[in-house]
Amino acid sequence: MSNTDNDIAAIIGGEEARLRAFNEADIDTLDALLSDELVYTHSNGMQEGKWPFLDRLKAGTSRFSRGRVLESSAQVHGDIGIFNGRFELTLTTAERTVDIDSRQLSVWRKGEGGRWQQIATASSPLSVQARPAS
């Protein structure tokens, strides 16, 4: 396997690990995967950084489940990787539960020790179904 193939596998694996960590509210894994410089553009258009997002997960005000990657591809350009994919997940807040089927574009950067971290992500919803939280 070439270095590029290894990097592509690492980026796709990083996206899969990120969604597993969402499901489990695994802050330590997310801390490792997400750059401190992260710009996260949610499917509803809201933007936030890494720590405001992780703080909401820690507090339990946002809970994710069913997060999984449905389609994925990646490109590598030096120390920058671009992920394109589709995922689904369920987001539960105090007010509602939302099932999201979304396209995603993420930018990953290869840092020290060859570790990839997500530096930007944006979601475009294909389908959103909301219901009151139970």
N, C-alpha and C. Protein backbone atom coordinates (compact mmCIF):
# COMPACT_ATOMS: atom_id res chain seq x y z
N MET A 1 0.85 -1.18 0.00
CA MET A 1 0.00 0.00 0.00
C MET A 1 0.90 1.24 0.00
N SER A 2 0.60 2.20 -0.87
CA SER A 2 1.41 3.41 -0.96
C SER A 2 1.12 4.34 0.22
N ASN A 3 1.99 5.35 0.39
CA ASN A 3 1.76 6.35 1.43
C ASN A 3 0.43 7.05 1.22
N THR A 4 0.12 7.38 -0.04
CA THR A 4 -1.16 8.04 -0.34
C THR A 4 -2.32 7.14 0.04
N ASP A 5 -2.24 5.87 -0.31
CA ASP A 5 -3.30 4.92 0.06
C ASP A 5 -3.45 4.83 1.58
N ASN A 6 -2.31 4.82 2.29
CA ASN A 6 -2.35 4.79 3.76
C ASN A 6 -3.01 6.06 4.31
N ASP A 7 -2.68 7.20 3.72
CA ASP A 7 -3.26 8.47 4.18
C ASP A 7 -4.76 8.50 3.91
N ILE A 8 -5.18 8.05 2.73
CA ILE A 8 -6.62 8.00 2.42
C ILE A 8 -7.34 7.10 3.41
N ALA A 9 -6.76 5.95 3.69
CA ALA A 9 -7.37 5.03 4.67
C ALA A 9 -7.44 5.67 6.05
N ALA A 10 -6.41 6.43 6.42
CA ALA A 10 -6.40 7.09 7.73
C ALA A 10 -7.49 8.16 7.82
N ILE A 11 -7.70 8.91 6.74
CA ILE A 11 -8.72 9.95 6.73
C ILE A 11 -10.11 9.33 6.81
N ILE A 12 -10.37 8.33 5.99
CA ILE A 12 -11.68 7.67 6.02
C ILE A 12 -11.89 7.00 7.37
N GLY A 13 -10.84 6.36 7.89
CA GLY A 13 -10.93 5.76 9.23
C GLY A 13 -11.17 6.80 10.30
N GLY A 14 -10.57 7.99 10.13
CA GLY A 14 -10.79 9.08 11.08
C GLY A 14 -12.24 9.53 11.09
N GLU A 15 -12.87 9.61 9.92
CA GLU A 15 -14.29 9.98 9.86
C GLU A 15 -15.16 8.92 10.53
N GLU A 16 -14.85 7.67 10.29
CA GLU A 16 -15.62 6.59 10.93
C GLU A 16 -15.43 6.62 12.44
N ALA A 17 -14.21 6.85 12.89
CA ALA A 17 -13.93 6.93 14.33
C ALA A 17 -14.62 8.14 14.95
N ARG A 18 -14.68 9.24 14.22
CA ARG A 18 -15.33 10.45 14.71
C ARG A 18 -16.82 10.19 14.97
N LEU A 19 -17.48 9.52 14.03
CA LEU A 19 -18.91 9.25 14.24
C LEU A 19 -19.14 8.23 15.35
N ARG A 20 -18.25 7.25 15.48
CA ARG A 20 -18.36 6.32 16.63
C ARG A 20 -18.21 7.08 17.93
N ALA A 21 -17.25 8.01 17.96
CA ALA A 21 -17.03 8.81 19.17
C ALA A 21 -18.23 9.71 19.45
N PHE A 22 -18.89 10.25 18.41
CA PHE A 22 -20.14 10.99 18.61
C PHE A 22 -21.14 10.11 19.34
N ASN A 23 -21.33 8.89 18.85
CA ASN A 23 -22.31 7.97 19.43
C ASN A 23 -22.04 7.70 20.90
N GLU A 24 -20.78 7.62 21.25
CA GLU A 24 -20.38 7.25 22.61
C GLU A 24 -20.03 8.45 23.48
N ALA A 25 -20.18 9.66 22.93
CA ALA A 25 -19.77 10.89 23.63
C ALA A 25 -18.34 10.73 24.17
N ASP A 26 -17.47 10.17 23.34
CA ASP A 26 -16.09 9.89 23.69
C ASP A 26 -15.25 11.15 23.44
N ILE A 27 -15.19 12.00 24.43
CA ILE A 27 -14.53 13.29 24.32
C ILE A 27 -13.03 13.13 24.06
N ASP A 28 -12.40 12.14 24.69
CA ASP A 28 -10.95 11.94 24.51
C ASP A 28 -10.62 11.62 23.05
N THR A 29 -11.40 10.74 22.44
CA THR A 29 -11.16 10.39 21.04
C THR A 29 -11.41 11.60 20.15
N LEU A 30 -12.51 12.32 20.41
CA LEU A 30 -12.79 13.51 19.61
C LEU A 30 -11.71 14.57 19.78
N ASP A 31 -11.21 14.73 20.99
CA ASP A 31 -10.12 15.69 21.23
C ASP A 31 -8.91 15.35 20.36
N ALA A 32 -8.61 14.07 20.23
CA ALA A 32 -7.46 13.65 19.42
C ALA A 32 -7.73 13.82 17.92
N LEU A 33 -8.96 13.59 17.47
CA LEU A 33 -9.28 13.64 16.06
C LEU A 33 -9.50 15.06 15.53
N LEU A 34 -9.97 15.95 16.39
CA LEU A 34 -10.34 17.30 15.97
C LEU A 34 -9.23 18.29 16.32
N SER A 35 -8.84 19.08 15.36
CA SER A 35 -7.84 20.12 15.60
C SER A 35 -8.42 21.19 16.52
N ASP A 36 -7.57 21.81 17.31
CA ASP A 36 -8.01 22.94 18.13
C ASP A 36 -8.51 24.09 17.26
N GLU A 37 -8.12 24.11 16.00
CA GLU A 37 -8.52 25.16 15.06
C GLU A 37 -9.80 24.82 14.30
N LEU A 38 -10.45 23.71 14.65
CA LEU A 38 -11.62 23.22 13.91
C LEU A 38 -12.68 24.30 13.73
N VAL A 39 -13.21 24.36 12.51
CA VAL A 39 -14.42 25.12 12.21
C VAL A 39 -15.45 24.08 11.78
N TYR A 40 -16.51 23.95 12.58
CA TYR A 40 -17.54 22.95 12.35
C TYR A 40 -18.81 23.67 11.90
N THR A 41 -19.19 23.46 10.63
CA THR A 41 -20.43 24.02 10.11
C THR A 41 -21.46 22.89 10.09
N HIS A 42 -22.42 23.00 10.99
CA HIS A 42 -23.44 21.96 11.14
C HIS A 42 -24.44 21.99 9.99
N SER A 43 -25.24 20.94 9.89
CA SER A 43 -26.21 20.84 8.80
C SER A 43 -27.30 21.90 8.89
N ASN A 44 -27.45 22.54 10.06
CA ASN A 44 -28.43 23.63 10.19
C ASN A 44 -27.79 25.00 9.93
N GLY A 45 -26.51 25.03 9.55
CA GLY A 45 -25.82 26.27 9.24
C GLY A 45 -25.05 26.87 10.40
N MET A 46 -25.27 26.37 11.62
CA MET A 46 -24.56 26.90 12.78
C MET A 46 -23.07 26.55 12.68
N GLN A 47 -22.22 27.50 13.03
CA GLN A 47 -20.78 27.25 13.08
C GLN A 47 -20.30 27.32 14.52
N GLU A 48 -19.38 26.44 14.85
CA GLU A 48 -18.74 26.50 16.17
C GLU A 48 -17.37 25.87 16.10
N GLY A 49 -16.58 26.17 17.10
CA GLY A 49 -15.25 25.62 17.22
C GLY A 49 -15.27 24.30 17.96
N LYS A 50 -14.09 23.75 18.09
CA LYS A 50 -13.93 22.44 18.74
C LYS A 50 -14.45 22.43 20.17
N TRP A 51 -13.99 23.37 21.00
CA TRP A 51 -14.33 23.28 22.43
C TRP A 51 -15.77 23.61 22.75
N PRO A 52 -16.40 24.58 22.10
CA PRO A 52 -17.84 24.74 22.36
C PRO A 52 -18.64 23.48 22.00
N PHE A 53 -18.25 22.85 20.89
CA PHE A 53 -18.92 21.61 20.49
C PHE A 53 -18.70 20.50 21.51
N LEU A 54 -17.44 20.28 21.89
CA LEU A 54 -17.15 19.21 22.86
C LEU A 54 -17.76 19.52 24.23
N ASP A 55 -17.81 20.77 24.61
CA ASP A 55 -18.45 21.13 25.89
C ASP A 55 -19.94 20.77 25.89
N ARG A 56 -20.62 20.97 24.75
CA ARG A 56 -22.04 20.57 24.67
C ARG A 56 -22.18 19.06 24.80
N LEU A 57 -21.27 18.33 24.19
CA LEU A 57 -21.32 16.86 24.32
C LEU A 57 -21.06 16.43 25.76
N LYS A 58 -20.05 17.04 26.39
CA LYS A 58 -19.73 16.72 27.79
C LYS A 58 -20.92 16.99 28.71
N ALA A 59 -21.57 18.11 28.49
CA ALA A 59 -22.71 18.50 29.33
C ALA A 59 -23.95 17.66 29.06
N GLY A 60 -23.96 16.95 27.93
CA GLY A 60 -25.12 16.13 27.60
C GLY A 60 -26.27 16.91 26.99
N THR A 61 -26.05 18.18 26.66
CA THR A 61 -27.12 18.97 26.06
C THR A 61 -27.36 18.58 24.60
N SER A 62 -26.37 17.95 23.98
CA SER A 62 -26.51 17.35 22.65
C SER A 62 -26.00 15.93 22.74
N ARG A 63 -26.82 15.00 22.26
CA ARG A 63 -26.43 13.59 22.25
C ARG A 63 -26.63 13.03 20.85
N PHE A 64 -25.65 12.27 20.40
CA PHE A 64 -25.72 11.67 19.08
C PHE A 64 -25.89 10.16 19.19
N SER A 65 -26.58 9.59 18.21
CA SER A 65 -26.70 8.13 18.10
C SER A 65 -26.84 7.80 16.62
N ARG A 66 -26.73 6.57 16.30
CA ARG A 66 -26.86 6.06 14.94
C ARG A 66 -25.88 6.68 13.96
N GLY A 67 -24.86 7.36 14.43
CA GLY A 67 -23.91 7.98 13.52
C GLY A 67 -23.11 6.93 12.77
N ARG A 68 -23.17 7.01 11.44
CA ARG A 68 -22.37 6.09 10.64
C ARG A 68 -22.13 6.67 9.26
N VAL A 69 -21.00 6.32 8.70
CA VAL A 69 -20.63 6.75 7.36
C VAL A 69 -21.30 5.81 6.36
N LEU A 70 -22.02 6.38 5.39
CA LEU A 70 -22.68 5.57 4.36
C LEU A 70 -21.88 5.52 3.06
N GLU A 71 -21.20 6.61 2.73
CA GLU A 71 -20.37 6.69 1.53
C GLU A 71 -19.12 7.47 1.90
N SER A 72 -18.00 7.14 1.26
CA SER A 72 -16.79 7.89 1.58
C SER A 72 -15.78 7.82 0.46
N SER A 73 -15.10 8.94 0.29
CA SER A 73 -13.94 9.00 -0.59
C SER A 73 -13.03 10.08 -0.03
N ALA A 74 -11.78 10.01 -0.38
CA ALA A 74 -10.83 11.00 0.12
C ALA A 74 -9.74 11.22 -0.93
N GLN A 75 -9.18 12.42 -0.88
CA GLN A 75 -8.05 12.79 -1.71
C GLN A 75 -6.97 13.34 -0.78
N VAL A 76 -5.74 13.19 -1.19
CA VAL A 76 -4.63 13.73 -0.41
C VAL A 76 -3.80 14.64 -1.30
N HIS A 77 -3.51 15.83 -0.76
CA HIS A 77 -2.69 16.83 -1.45
C HIS A 77 -1.63 17.28 -0.45
N GLY A 78 -0.50 16.59 -0.42
CA GLY A 78 0.54 16.89 0.55
C GLY A 78 0.06 16.55 1.95
N ASP A 79 0.05 17.55 2.82
CA ASP A 79 -0.38 17.33 4.20
C ASP A 79 -1.85 17.69 4.42
N ILE A 80 -2.60 17.87 3.33
CA ILE A 80 -4.03 18.17 3.42
C ILE A 80 -4.81 17.03 2.79
N GLY A 81 -5.84 16.59 3.47
CA GLY A 81 -6.74 15.57 2.96
C GLY A 81 -8.14 16.12 2.88
N ILE A 82 -8.86 15.72 1.84
CA ILE A 82 -10.24 16.16 1.65
C ILE A 82 -11.12 14.91 1.64
N PHE A 83 -12.09 14.91 2.55
CA PHE A 83 -13.04 13.81 2.67
C PHE A 83 -14.37 14.26 2.09
N ASN A 84 -14.96 13.43 1.26
CA ASN A 84 -16.32 13.62 0.77
C ASN A 84 -17.10 12.38 1.15
N GLY A 85 -18.28 12.57 1.69
CA GLY A 85 -19.04 11.40 2.05
C GLY A 85 -20.48 11.72 2.37
N ARG A 86 -21.13 10.71 2.82
CA ARG A 86 -22.51 10.81 3.25
C ARG A 86 -22.61 10.07 4.57
N PHE A 87 -23.34 10.65 5.50
CA PHE A 87 -23.52 9.99 6.78
C PHE A 87 -24.94 10.18 7.26
N GLU A 88 -25.30 9.37 8.23
CA GLU A 88 -26.56 9.56 8.91
C GLU A 88 -26.30 9.52 10.40
N LEU A 89 -27.11 10.25 11.11
CA LEU A 89 -27.02 10.25 12.56
C LEU A 89 -28.30 10.80 13.14
N THR A 90 -28.47 10.57 14.42
CA THR A 90 -29.59 11.13 15.17
C THR A 90 -29.02 12.04 16.24
N LEU A 91 -29.55 13.25 16.31
CA LEU A 91 -29.16 14.24 17.31
C LEU A 91 -30.35 14.46 18.24
N THR A 92 -30.10 14.35 19.54
CA THR A 92 -31.15 14.60 20.53
C THR A 92 -30.71 15.75 21.43
N THR A 93 -31.60 16.73 21.56
CA THR A 93 -31.42 17.83 22.50
C THR A 93 -32.61 17.82 23.45
N ALA A 94 -32.67 18.77 24.36
CA ALA A 94 -33.79 18.83 25.30
C ALA A 94 -35.11 19.07 24.57
N GLU A 95 -35.05 19.76 23.43
CA GLU A 95 -36.27 20.14 22.72
C GLU A 95 -36.73 19.12 21.69
N ARG A 96 -35.78 18.45 21.02
CA ARG A 96 -36.19 17.60 19.91
C ARG A 96 -35.15 16.54 19.58
N THR A 97 -35.60 15.59 18.79
CA THR A 97 -34.73 14.56 18.22
C THR A 97 -34.78 14.74 16.71
N VAL A 98 -33.61 14.73 16.08
CA VAL A 98 -33.52 14.98 14.66
C VAL A 98 -32.74 13.84 14.00
N ASP A 99 -33.35 13.22 13.00
CA ASP A 99 -32.67 12.22 12.17
C ASP A 99 -32.14 12.94 10.95
N ILE A 100 -30.84 12.81 10.72
CA ILE A 100 -30.18 13.56 9.65
C ILE A 100 -29.49 12.59 8.68
N ASP A 101 -29.76 12.78 7.41
CA ASP A 101 -29.03 12.12 6.33
C ASP A 101 -28.35 13.27 5.60
N SER A 102 -27.02 13.24 5.53
CA SER A 102 -26.30 14.43 5.10
C SER A 102 -25.07 14.10 4.26
N ARG A 103 -24.75 14.99 3.36
CA ARG A 103 -23.47 14.97 2.68
C ARG A 103 -22.48 15.75 3.53
N GLN A 104 -21.23 15.36 3.46
CA GLN A 104 -20.22 16.03 4.28
C GLN A 104 -18.96 16.25 3.48
N LEU A 105 -18.38 17.42 3.68
CA LEU A 105 -17.07 17.76 3.14
C LEU A 105 -16.20 18.12 4.33
N SER A 106 -15.10 17.42 4.50
CA SER A 106 -14.19 17.68 5.62
C SER A 106 -12.78 17.87 5.11
N VAL A 107 -12.05 18.72 5.81
CA VAL A 107 -10.63 18.94 5.52
C VAL A 107 -9.83 18.42 6.69
N TRP A 108 -8.85 17.62 6.39
CA TRP A 108 -7.96 17.02 7.39
C TRP A 108 -6.54 17.51 7.12
N ARG A 109 -5.76 17.66 8.18
CA ARG A 109 -4.37 18.08 8.05
C ARG A 109 -3.48 17.06 8.75
N LYS A 110 -2.40 16.70 8.09
CA LYS A 110 -1.43 15.77 8.66
C LYS A 110 -0.44 16.57 9.49
N GLY A 111 -0.36 16.24 10.76
CA GLY A 111 0.50 16.98 11.66
C GLY A 111 1.70 16.17 12.12
N GLU A 112 2.21 16.58 13.26
CA GLU A 112 3.39 15.92 13.83
C GLU A 112 3.14 14.43 14.01
N GLY A 113 4.15 13.66 13.72
CA GLY A 113 4.05 12.22 13.88
C GLY A 113 3.14 11.56 12.86
N GLY A 114 2.74 12.30 11.83
CA GLY A 114 1.89 11.72 10.79
C GLY A 114 0.43 11.56 11.18
N ARG A 115 0.03 12.20 12.28
CA ARG A 115 -1.35 12.08 12.75
C ARG A 115 -2.26 13.05 11.99
N TRP A 116 -3.37 12.54 11.49
CA TRP A 116 -4.36 13.34 10.80
C TRP A 116 -5.38 13.90 11.78
N GLN A 117 -5.72 15.18 11.62
CA GLN A 117 -6.77 15.81 12.42
C GLN A 117 -7.71 16.60 11.50
N GLN A 118 -8.96 16.58 11.85
CA GLN A 118 -9.95 17.34 11.09
C GLN A 118 -9.83 18.82 11.46
N ILE A 119 -9.72 19.69 10.43
CA ILE A 119 -9.61 21.13 10.69
C ILE A 119 -10.85 21.89 10.26
N ALA A 120 -11.67 21.29 9.40
CA ALA A 120 -12.91 21.94 8.98
C ALA A 120 -13.87 20.87 8.50
N THR A 121 -15.14 21.11 8.73
CA THR A 121 -16.17 20.20 8.23
C THR A 121 -17.45 20.98 8.00
N ALA A 122 -18.18 20.58 6.98
CA ALA A 122 -19.47 21.21 6.67
C ALA A 122 -20.41 20.13 6.18
N SER A 123 -21.63 20.19 6.66
CA SER A 123 -22.65 19.21 6.30
C SER A 123 -23.76 19.88 5.50
N SER A 124 -24.25 19.16 4.50
CA SER A 124 -25.39 19.61 3.69
C SER A 124 -26.48 18.55 3.80
N PRO A 125 -27.59 18.88 4.46
CA PRO A 125 -28.61 17.86 4.68
C PRO A 125 -29.30 17.41 3.40
N LEU A 126 -29.48 16.12 3.29
CA LEU A 126 -30.29 15.54 2.22
C LEU A 126 -31.71 15.33 2.73
N SER A 127 -31.79 14.94 4.01
CA SER A 127 -33.08 14.70 4.65
C SER A 127 -32.94 14.96 6.15
N VAL A 128 -33.90 15.71 6.70
CA VAL A 128 -33.92 15.99 8.13
C VAL A 128 -35.34 15.75 8.62
N GLN A 129 -35.48 14.89 9.61
CA GLN A 129 -36.78 14.62 10.20
C GLN A 129 -36.69 14.90 11.68
N ALA A 130 -37.47 15.88 12.14
CA ALA A 130 -37.44 16.27 13.55
C ALA A 130 -38.74 15.86 14.22
N ARG A 131 -38.62 15.54 15.52
CA ARG A 131 -39.77 15.22 16.36
C ARG A 131 -39.47 15.69 17.77
N PRO A 132 -40.47 15.90 18.58
CA PRO A 132 -40.21 16.33 19.97
C PRO A 132 -39.35 15.29 20.69
N ALA A 133 -38.47 15.75 21.56
CA ALA A 133 -37.62 14.84 22.34
C ALA A 133 -38.51 14.04 23.28
N SER A 134 -38.13 12.80 23.47
CA SER A 134 -38.92 11.95 24.38
C SER A 134 -38.24 11.78 25.71
